[in-house]
Amino acid sequence: MMTSKQILIVDDEPALAMGLAEVLRQSNQQYQVSVVHSGEEALERLHRSPQDLLITDLCMSGINGMELIRWVRDSYPHMPTILTTAKEGDAVAQKARSAGAWGFIAKPFDLQLLFETVDNVLHSPRAEGSTAWPSCQIDGRTATRSSPTPLAGPAASQPDPRARQ
């Protein structure tokens, strides 16, 4: 029997966040998906209930997606994160990797890529407690820490975003 996977979606656009949550729930009955609308709400939720996966938007007021990913990487190193954004390009993907994101998906979402990325990240050895970093096939390319595709593990330590002045 498979155990359910707890997924937290963080996006300041309520309709988008709820739509993403619904498609993920429909794609896999084992996904228990929750939604919050700010980095601050995400920190509160994660303190109460660690998740199996965090999917966060980049551009939010207050604690943004990169700051949230850094905090998760430092506080919950086995919890994978996926960054979503309407901003495309290698620079954003590289910053996501440096922050500790395990995946990067551009908006608007390619649902097949979203499902594959979520599934691959949730079932990677690292997410299941191994010290190995994830590797998966997406569009015929292998996504690993050293490849140019946006799946990666943690980088240098970053301060808690709540400690900003």
N, C-alpha and C. Protein backbone atom coordinates (compact mmCIF):
# COMPACT_ATOMS: atom_id res chain seq x y z
N MET A 1 0.84 -1.19 0.00
CA MET A 1 0.00 0.00 0.00
C MET A 1 0.88 1.24 0.00
N MET A 2 0.63 2.14 -0.93
CA MET A 2 1.40 3.37 -1.00
C MET A 2 0.91 4.34 0.06
N THR A 3 1.86 5.08 0.63
CA THR A 3 1.48 6.12 1.58
C THR A 3 1.21 7.40 0.82
N SER A 4 0.36 8.23 1.39
CA SER A 4 0.06 9.49 0.73
C SER A 4 1.26 10.43 0.81
N LYS A 5 1.34 11.33 -0.15
CA LYS A 5 2.41 12.32 -0.21
C LYS A 5 1.79 13.69 0.05
N GLN A 6 2.35 14.39 1.04
CA GLN A 6 1.87 15.72 1.41
C GLN A 6 2.60 16.76 0.56
N ILE A 7 1.83 17.54 -0.20
CA ILE A 7 2.39 18.56 -1.08
C ILE A 7 1.82 19.91 -0.65
N LEU A 8 2.71 20.89 -0.49
CA LEU A 8 2.30 22.26 -0.16
C LEU A 8 2.60 23.15 -1.35
N ILE A 9 1.56 23.84 -1.84
CA ILE A 9 1.70 24.79 -2.93
C ILE A 9 1.66 26.20 -2.34
N VAL A 10 2.63 27.02 -2.75
CA VAL A 10 2.70 28.41 -2.28
C VAL A 10 2.65 29.32 -3.49
N ASP A 11 1.57 30.07 -3.61
CA ASP A 11 1.43 31.01 -4.73
C ASP A 11 0.47 32.11 -4.30
N ASP A 12 0.82 33.36 -4.60
CA ASP A 12 -0.02 34.48 -4.20
C ASP A 12 -1.17 34.73 -5.17
N GLU A 13 -1.31 33.91 -6.18
CA GLU A 13 -2.46 33.97 -7.08
C GLU A 13 -3.41 32.83 -6.71
N PRO A 14 -4.45 33.12 -5.92
CA PRO A 14 -5.31 32.05 -5.41
C PRO A 14 -5.90 31.13 -6.48
N ALA A 15 -6.38 31.68 -7.58
CA ALA A 15 -7.00 30.84 -8.61
C ALA A 15 -5.98 29.88 -9.21
N LEU A 16 -4.78 30.35 -9.46
CA LEU A 16 -3.74 29.50 -10.02
C LEU A 16 -3.34 28.41 -9.03
N ALA A 17 -3.17 28.80 -7.76
CA ALA A 17 -2.77 27.83 -6.74
C ALA A 17 -3.83 26.75 -6.56
N MET A 18 -5.09 27.15 -6.52
CA MET A 18 -6.16 26.16 -6.34
C MET A 18 -6.29 25.26 -7.57
N GLY A 19 -6.12 25.83 -8.76
CA GLY A 19 -6.17 25.03 -9.98
C GLY A 19 -5.04 24.01 -10.02
N LEU A 20 -3.83 24.44 -9.64
CA LEU A 20 -2.68 23.54 -9.60
C LEU A 20 -2.92 22.42 -8.59
N ALA A 21 -3.45 22.79 -7.43
CA ALA A 21 -3.74 21.78 -6.41
C ALA A 21 -4.74 20.75 -6.93
N GLU A 22 -5.76 21.22 -7.62
CA GLU A 22 -6.79 20.31 -8.12
C GLU A 22 -6.24 19.36 -9.18
N VAL A 23 -5.43 19.86 -10.12
CA VAL A 23 -4.90 18.96 -11.15
C VAL A 23 -3.94 17.94 -10.53
N LEU A 24 -3.18 18.33 -9.52
CA LEU A 24 -2.29 17.37 -8.86
C LEU A 24 -3.09 16.30 -8.13
N ARG A 25 -4.16 16.71 -7.43
CA ARG A 25 -5.01 15.74 -6.74
C ARG A 25 -5.62 14.75 -7.72
N GLN A 26 -6.08 15.25 -8.85
CA GLN A 26 -6.71 14.40 -9.85
C GLN A 26 -5.69 13.48 -10.53
N SER A 27 -4.45 13.92 -10.60
CA SER A 27 -3.42 13.11 -11.27
C SER A 27 -2.99 11.91 -10.44
N ASN A 28 -3.15 11.99 -9.12
CA ASN A 28 -2.69 10.91 -8.26
C ASN A 28 -3.46 10.97 -6.94
N GLN A 29 -4.22 9.93 -6.65
CA GLN A 29 -5.03 9.91 -5.43
C GLN A 29 -4.19 9.90 -4.17
N GLN A 30 -2.89 9.60 -4.30
CA GLN A 30 -2.01 9.58 -3.13
C GLN A 30 -1.52 10.97 -2.74
N TYR A 31 -1.79 11.98 -3.58
CA TYR A 31 -1.33 13.34 -3.28
C TYR A 31 -2.35 14.05 -2.39
N GLN A 32 -1.88 14.46 -1.23
CA GLN A 32 -2.68 15.28 -0.32
C GLN A 32 -2.12 16.70 -0.46
N VAL A 33 -2.86 17.57 -1.15
CA VAL A 33 -2.33 18.88 -1.54
C VAL A 33 -2.98 19.98 -0.72
N SER A 34 -2.12 20.85 -0.15
CA SER A 34 -2.56 22.02 0.59
C SER A 34 -2.05 23.27 -0.13
N VAL A 35 -2.73 24.39 0.11
CA VAL A 35 -2.37 25.64 -0.55
C VAL A 35 -2.26 26.75 0.49
N VAL A 36 -1.21 27.56 0.37
CA VAL A 36 -1.08 28.81 1.11
C VAL A 36 -0.70 29.88 0.10
N HIS A 37 -0.85 31.16 0.50
CA HIS A 37 -0.69 32.23 -0.47
C HIS A 37 0.46 33.19 -0.18
N SER A 38 1.37 32.80 0.71
CA SER A 38 2.54 33.64 0.98
C SER A 38 3.66 32.79 1.58
N GLY A 39 4.87 33.30 1.48
CA GLY A 39 6.00 32.63 2.10
C GLY A 39 5.85 32.54 3.60
N GLU A 40 5.30 33.57 4.20
CA GLU A 40 5.10 33.58 5.65
C GLU A 40 4.12 32.49 6.08
N GLU A 41 3.01 32.35 5.32
CA GLU A 41 2.06 31.27 5.62
C GLU A 41 2.71 29.90 5.44
N ALA A 42 3.57 29.78 4.45
CA ALA A 42 4.25 28.51 4.21
C ALA A 42 5.14 28.15 5.40
N LEU A 43 5.89 29.13 5.93
CA LEU A 43 6.75 28.85 7.08
C LEU A 43 5.93 28.37 8.27
N GLU A 44 4.79 29.03 8.52
CA GLU A 44 3.92 28.61 9.62
C GLU A 44 3.43 27.18 9.40
N ARG A 45 2.99 26.86 8.19
CA ARG A 45 2.47 25.53 7.89
C ARG A 45 3.57 24.48 8.05
N LEU A 46 4.77 24.79 7.54
CA LEU A 46 5.87 23.82 7.61
C LEU A 46 6.32 23.58 9.04
N HIS A 47 6.24 24.60 9.91
CA HIS A 47 6.57 24.40 11.32
C HIS A 47 5.58 23.45 11.98
N ARG A 48 4.32 23.53 11.59
CA ARG A 48 3.28 22.67 12.15
C ARG A 48 3.29 21.28 11.54
N SER A 49 3.58 21.21 10.24
CA SER A 49 3.44 19.94 9.53
C SER A 49 4.40 19.88 8.34
N PRO A 50 5.58 19.27 8.53
CA PRO A 50 6.50 19.14 7.39
C PRO A 50 5.82 18.38 6.25
N GLN A 51 6.21 18.72 5.03
CA GLN A 51 5.59 18.17 3.83
C GLN A 51 6.58 17.26 3.10
N ASP A 52 6.07 16.51 2.14
CA ASP A 52 6.91 15.68 1.28
C ASP A 52 7.45 16.48 0.10
N LEU A 53 6.76 17.57 -0.26
CA LEU A 53 7.17 18.40 -1.39
C LEU A 53 6.61 19.80 -1.22
N LEU A 54 7.43 20.79 -1.55
CA LEU A 54 6.99 22.19 -1.57
C LEU A 54 7.10 22.67 -3.01
N ILE A 55 6.01 23.23 -3.53
CA ILE A 55 6.01 23.85 -4.85
C ILE A 55 5.70 25.32 -4.62
N THR A 56 6.64 26.21 -4.99
CA THR A 56 6.46 27.63 -4.70
C THR A 56 6.67 28.50 -5.92
N ASP A 57 5.89 29.56 -5.98
CA ASP A 57 6.08 30.59 -6.98
C ASP A 57 7.30 31.42 -6.60
N LEU A 58 7.94 32.02 -7.59
CA LEU A 58 9.10 32.86 -7.33
C LEU A 58 8.70 34.22 -6.80
N CYS A 59 7.86 34.93 -7.54
CA CYS A 59 7.55 36.33 -7.23
C CYS A 59 6.35 36.45 -6.31
N MET A 60 6.64 36.72 -5.04
CA MET A 60 5.61 36.98 -4.05
C MET A 60 6.12 38.09 -3.15
N SER A 61 5.20 38.88 -2.59
CA SER A 61 5.64 39.92 -1.66
C SER A 61 6.05 39.25 -0.35
N GLY A 62 6.83 39.94 0.44
CA GLY A 62 7.34 39.35 1.68
C GLY A 62 8.41 38.34 1.36
N ILE A 63 8.32 37.16 1.93
CA ILE A 63 9.28 36.09 1.65
C ILE A 63 8.99 35.55 0.27
N ASN A 64 9.95 35.70 -0.65
CA ASN A 64 9.72 35.21 -2.01
C ASN A 64 10.09 33.73 -2.12
N GLY A 65 9.89 33.18 -3.31
CA GLY A 65 10.12 31.75 -3.51
C GLY A 65 11.56 31.31 -3.28
N MET A 66 12.53 32.12 -3.72
CA MET A 66 13.94 31.76 -3.52
C MET A 66 14.29 31.73 -2.04
N GLU A 67 13.83 32.73 -1.30
CA GLU A 67 14.10 32.76 0.15
C GLU A 67 13.45 31.56 0.83
N LEU A 68 12.25 31.22 0.42
CA LEU A 68 11.55 30.07 1.01
C LEU A 68 12.30 28.77 0.72
N ILE A 69 12.78 28.61 -0.51
CA ILE A 69 13.53 27.40 -0.87
C ILE A 69 14.81 27.30 -0.04
N ARG A 70 15.51 28.41 0.14
CA ARG A 70 16.73 28.39 0.96
C ARG A 70 16.41 27.98 2.40
N TRP A 71 15.33 28.51 2.93
CA TRP A 71 14.95 28.18 4.31
C TRP A 71 14.61 26.70 4.43
N VAL A 72 13.84 26.18 3.46
CA VAL A 72 13.49 24.76 3.48
C VAL A 72 14.75 23.91 3.37
N ARG A 73 15.65 24.28 2.47
CA ARG A 73 16.90 23.52 2.29
C ARG A 73 17.67 23.44 3.61
N ASP A 74 17.73 24.55 4.34
CA ASP A 74 18.48 24.57 5.59
C ASP A 74 17.74 23.90 6.75
N SER A 75 16.43 24.00 6.77
CA SER A 75 15.64 23.47 7.88
C SER A 75 15.18 22.04 7.67
N TYR A 76 14.88 21.68 6.45
CA TYR A 76 14.38 20.35 6.10
C TYR A 76 15.13 19.84 4.87
N PRO A 77 16.39 19.46 5.00
CA PRO A 77 17.21 19.14 3.82
C PRO A 77 16.70 17.98 2.97
N HIS A 78 15.84 17.13 3.50
CA HIS A 78 15.30 16.03 2.70
C HIS A 78 13.98 16.38 2.03
N MET A 79 13.46 17.61 2.27
CA MET A 79 12.21 18.01 1.65
C MET A 79 12.50 18.65 0.29
N PRO A 80 12.08 18.02 -0.79
CA PRO A 80 12.33 18.60 -2.10
C PRO A 80 11.45 19.83 -2.35
N THR A 81 11.96 20.71 -3.20
CA THR A 81 11.24 21.92 -3.58
C THR A 81 11.26 22.07 -5.09
N ILE A 82 10.19 22.63 -5.61
CA ILE A 82 10.09 22.96 -7.03
C ILE A 82 9.70 24.42 -7.12
N LEU A 83 10.44 25.18 -7.93
CA LEU A 83 10.16 26.60 -8.14
C LEU A 83 9.36 26.75 -9.42
N THR A 84 8.30 27.57 -9.36
CA THR A 84 7.52 27.89 -10.55
C THR A 84 7.59 29.40 -10.77
N THR A 85 7.59 29.80 -12.03
CA THR A 85 7.61 31.23 -12.33
C THR A 85 7.26 31.45 -13.79
N ALA A 86 6.75 32.65 -14.08
CA ALA A 86 6.49 33.05 -15.46
C ALA A 86 7.77 33.52 -16.12
N LYS A 87 8.82 33.76 -15.33
CA LYS A 87 10.11 34.18 -15.87
C LYS A 87 10.85 32.95 -16.37
N GLU A 88 11.20 32.95 -17.65
CA GLU A 88 11.93 31.81 -18.21
C GLU A 88 13.40 32.15 -18.34
N GLY A 89 14.19 31.15 -18.56
CA GLY A 89 15.58 31.37 -18.86
C GLY A 89 16.51 30.62 -17.95
N ASP A 90 17.73 30.44 -18.46
CA ASP A 90 18.74 29.71 -17.72
C ASP A 90 19.16 30.42 -16.44
N ALA A 91 19.12 31.76 -16.43
CA ALA A 91 19.54 32.51 -15.23
C ALA A 91 18.62 32.19 -14.05
N VAL A 92 17.32 32.16 -14.29
CA VAL A 92 16.37 31.85 -13.22
C VAL A 92 16.55 30.40 -12.77
N ALA A 93 16.73 29.49 -13.72
CA ALA A 93 16.94 28.08 -13.37
C ALA A 93 18.21 27.91 -12.55
N GLN A 94 19.28 28.62 -12.93
CA GLN A 94 20.54 28.53 -12.18
C GLN A 94 20.37 29.07 -10.76
N LYS A 95 19.66 30.18 -10.62
CA LYS A 95 19.42 30.73 -9.27
C LYS A 95 18.59 29.75 -8.44
N ALA A 96 17.63 29.10 -9.08
CA ALA A 96 16.82 28.10 -8.36
C ALA A 96 17.70 26.95 -7.89
N ARG A 97 18.59 26.47 -8.77
CA ARG A 97 19.52 25.39 -8.37
C ARG A 97 20.39 25.85 -7.21
N SER A 98 20.92 27.05 -7.31
CA SER A 98 21.80 27.57 -6.26
C SER A 98 21.06 27.70 -4.92
N ALA A 99 19.80 28.03 -4.99
CA ALA A 99 19.00 28.17 -3.77
C ALA A 99 18.67 26.81 -3.16
N GLY A 100 18.72 25.74 -3.97
CA GLY A 100 18.44 24.41 -3.46
C GLY A 100 17.22 23.75 -4.06
N ALA A 101 16.61 24.37 -5.09
CA ALA A 101 15.43 23.77 -5.71
C ALA A 101 15.80 22.47 -6.40
N TRP A 102 14.91 21.52 -6.32
CA TRP A 102 15.09 20.23 -6.98
C TRP A 102 14.48 20.24 -8.36
N GLY A 103 13.64 21.23 -8.63
CA GLY A 103 12.99 21.33 -9.92
C GLY A 103 12.59 22.76 -10.23
N PHE A 104 12.37 23.04 -11.50
CA PHE A 104 11.99 24.36 -11.97
C PHE A 104 10.99 24.14 -13.09
N ILE A 105 9.83 24.80 -13.00
CA ILE A 105 8.83 24.67 -14.05
C ILE A 105 8.32 26.07 -14.40
N ALA A 106 8.40 26.40 -15.68
CA ALA A 106 7.94 27.71 -16.16
C ALA A 106 6.42 27.70 -16.31
N LYS A 107 5.82 28.86 -16.03
CA LYS A 107 4.39 29.06 -16.29
C LYS A 107 4.27 29.65 -17.69
N PRO A 108 3.20 29.38 -18.42
CA PRO A 108 2.11 28.47 -18.06
C PRO A 108 2.62 27.03 -18.05
N PHE A 109 2.00 26.22 -17.21
CA PHE A 109 2.46 24.86 -16.98
C PHE A 109 2.18 23.95 -18.16
N ASP A 110 3.16 23.14 -18.50
CA ASP A 110 2.98 21.98 -19.35
C ASP A 110 2.60 20.88 -18.36
N LEU A 111 1.33 20.48 -18.36
CA LEU A 111 0.86 19.56 -17.32
C LEU A 111 1.61 18.24 -17.31
N GLN A 112 1.96 17.70 -18.48
CA GLN A 112 2.70 16.45 -18.50
C GLN A 112 4.06 16.61 -17.84
N LEU A 113 4.75 17.71 -18.13
CA LEU A 113 6.04 17.99 -17.50
C LEU A 113 5.87 18.19 -16.00
N LEU A 114 4.81 18.87 -15.59
CA LEU A 114 4.52 19.07 -14.16
C LEU A 114 4.35 17.72 -13.47
N PHE A 115 3.51 16.84 -14.03
CA PHE A 115 3.26 15.54 -13.41
C PHE A 115 4.54 14.71 -13.33
N GLU A 116 5.31 14.70 -14.41
CA GLU A 116 6.56 13.94 -14.43
C GLU A 116 7.55 14.47 -13.40
N THR A 117 7.67 15.80 -13.33
CA THR A 117 8.62 16.40 -12.40
C THR A 117 8.22 16.10 -10.96
N VAL A 118 6.95 16.29 -10.63
CA VAL A 118 6.47 16.01 -9.27
C VAL A 118 6.71 14.55 -8.92
N ASP A 119 6.34 13.65 -9.82
CA ASP A 119 6.51 12.22 -9.56
C ASP A 119 7.99 11.87 -9.39
N ASN A 120 8.84 12.36 -10.28
CA ASN A 120 10.27 12.06 -10.20
C ASN A 120 10.90 12.61 -8.92
N VAL A 121 10.52 13.82 -8.55
CA VAL A 121 11.09 14.42 -7.35
C VAL A 121 10.62 13.68 -6.10
N LEU A 122 9.34 13.36 -6.03
CA LEU A 122 8.82 12.65 -4.85
C LEU A 122 9.39 11.25 -4.70
N HIS A 123 9.78 10.63 -5.79
CA HIS A 123 10.29 9.27 -5.72
C HIS A 123 11.79 9.19 -5.91
N SER A 124 12.47 10.32 -5.78
CA SER A 124 13.93 10.31 -5.89
C SER A 124 14.51 9.71 -4.62
N PRO A 125 15.70 9.12 -4.69
CA PRO A 125 16.33 8.55 -3.49
C PRO A 125 16.51 9.59 -2.39
N ARG A 126 16.83 10.83 -2.74
CA ARG A 126 17.06 11.87 -1.73
C ARG A 126 15.78 12.16 -0.95
N ALA A 127 14.65 12.25 -1.63
CA ALA A 127 13.39 12.53 -0.96
C ALA A 127 12.97 11.39 -0.05
N GLU A 128 13.48 10.19 -0.32
CA GLU A 128 13.15 9.04 0.51
C GLU A 128 14.21 8.76 1.56
N GLY A 129 15.11 9.76 1.81
CA GLY A 129 16.07 9.65 2.90
C GLY A 129 17.47 9.29 2.49
N SER A 130 17.72 9.01 1.21
CA SER A 130 19.06 8.69 0.75
C SER A 130 19.91 9.95 0.69
N THR A 131 21.21 9.81 0.65
CA THR A 131 22.07 10.97 0.49
C THR A 131 22.37 11.26 -0.97
N ALA A 132 21.90 10.42 -1.89
CA ALA A 132 22.13 10.65 -3.32
C ALA A 132 21.16 11.71 -3.82
N TRP A 133 21.60 12.52 -4.76
CA TRP A 133 20.72 13.54 -5.34
C TRP A 133 19.92 12.95 -6.46
N PRO A 134 18.73 13.51 -6.72
CA PRO A 134 17.83 12.93 -7.71
C PRO A 134 18.37 13.02 -9.13
N SER A 135 17.97 12.05 -9.92
CA SER A 135 18.25 12.04 -11.35
C SER A 135 17.01 11.49 -12.02
N CYS A 136 16.53 12.16 -13.05
CA CYS A 136 15.32 11.68 -13.70
C CYS A 136 15.36 12.03 -15.18
N GLN A 137 14.50 11.37 -15.94
CA GLN A 137 14.40 11.63 -17.36
C GLN A 137 13.22 12.57 -17.59
N ILE A 138 13.48 13.70 -18.22
CA ILE A 138 12.42 14.63 -18.60
C ILE A 138 12.69 15.02 -20.04
N ASP A 139 11.72 14.77 -20.92
CA ASP A 139 11.88 15.09 -22.34
C ASP A 139 13.16 14.48 -22.92
N GLY A 140 13.51 13.26 -22.48
CA GLY A 140 14.66 12.58 -23.01
C GLY A 140 15.99 13.05 -22.47
N ARG A 141 15.99 14.02 -21.55
CA ARG A 141 17.23 14.52 -20.95
C ARG A 141 17.29 14.02 -19.52
N THR A 142 18.47 13.75 -19.04
CA THR A 142 18.64 13.38 -17.65
C THR A 142 18.87 14.64 -16.84
N ALA A 143 18.06 14.85 -15.83
CA ALA A 143 18.19 16.03 -14.98
C ALA A 143 18.93 15.63 -13.71
N THR A 144 20.09 16.20 -13.48
CA THR A 144 20.87 15.92 -12.28
C THR A 144 21.43 17.22 -11.74
N ARG A 145 22.14 17.13 -10.65
CA ARG A 145 22.71 18.31 -10.02
C ARG A 145 23.65 19.06 -10.95
N SER A 146 24.45 18.37 -11.76
CA SER A 146 25.45 19.04 -12.58
C SER A 146 24.97 19.35 -13.99
N SER A 147 23.80 18.92 -14.36
CA SER A 147 23.33 19.16 -15.72
C SER A 147 22.70 20.54 -15.83
N PRO A 148 22.54 21.07 -17.04
CA PRO A 148 21.92 22.37 -17.21
C PRO A 148 20.42 22.37 -16.99
N THR A 149 19.81 21.20 -16.87
CA THR A 149 18.39 21.16 -16.58
C THR A 149 18.17 21.51 -15.12
N PRO A 150 17.00 22.01 -14.77
CA PRO A 150 16.81 22.65 -13.48
C PRO A 150 16.49 21.76 -12.30
N LEU A 151 17.08 20.61 -12.17
CA LEU A 151 16.86 19.78 -11.01
C LEU A 151 18.16 19.72 -10.24
N ALA A 152 18.13 20.07 -8.95
CA ALA A 152 19.39 20.18 -8.22
C ALA A 152 19.20 20.00 -6.74
N GLY A 153 20.31 19.89 -6.04
CA GLY A 153 20.33 19.80 -4.59
C GLY A 153 20.85 21.06 -3.97
N PRO A 154 21.06 21.06 -2.65
CA PRO A 154 21.42 22.28 -1.95
C PRO A 154 22.80 22.81 -2.30
N ALA A 155 22.93 24.10 -2.12
CA ALA A 155 24.22 24.78 -2.31
C ALA A 155 24.66 25.34 -0.97
N ALA A 156 25.34 26.47 -0.96
CA ALA A 156 25.85 27.07 0.27
C ALA A 156 24.72 27.45 1.21
N SER A 157 25.00 27.47 2.51
CA SER A 157 24.01 27.80 3.51
C SER A 157 23.53 29.24 3.36
N GLN A 158 22.26 29.44 3.65
CA GLN A 158 21.65 30.76 3.59
C GLN A 158 20.96 31.02 4.91
N PRO A 159 20.83 32.30 5.32
CA PRO A 159 20.16 32.62 6.58
C PRO A 159 18.65 32.40 6.50
N ASP A 160 18.02 32.25 7.63
CA ASP A 160 16.58 32.13 7.73
C ASP A 160 15.96 33.42 7.20
N PRO A 161 15.02 33.36 6.24
CA PRO A 161 14.47 34.58 5.67
C PRO A 161 13.72 35.43 6.68
N ARG A 162 13.26 34.83 7.77
CA ARG A 162 12.55 35.62 8.78
C ARG A 162 13.50 36.51 9.56
N ALA A 163 14.82 36.29 9.45
CA ALA A 163 15.81 37.06 10.19
C ALA A 163 16.22 38.33 9.43
N ARG A 164 15.56 38.62 8.29
CA ARG A 164 15.89 39.83 7.53
C ARG A 164 15.61 41.06 8.38
N GLN A 165 16.37 42.11 8.09
CA GLN A 165 16.15 43.36 8.84
C GLN A 165 15.48 44.38 7.98
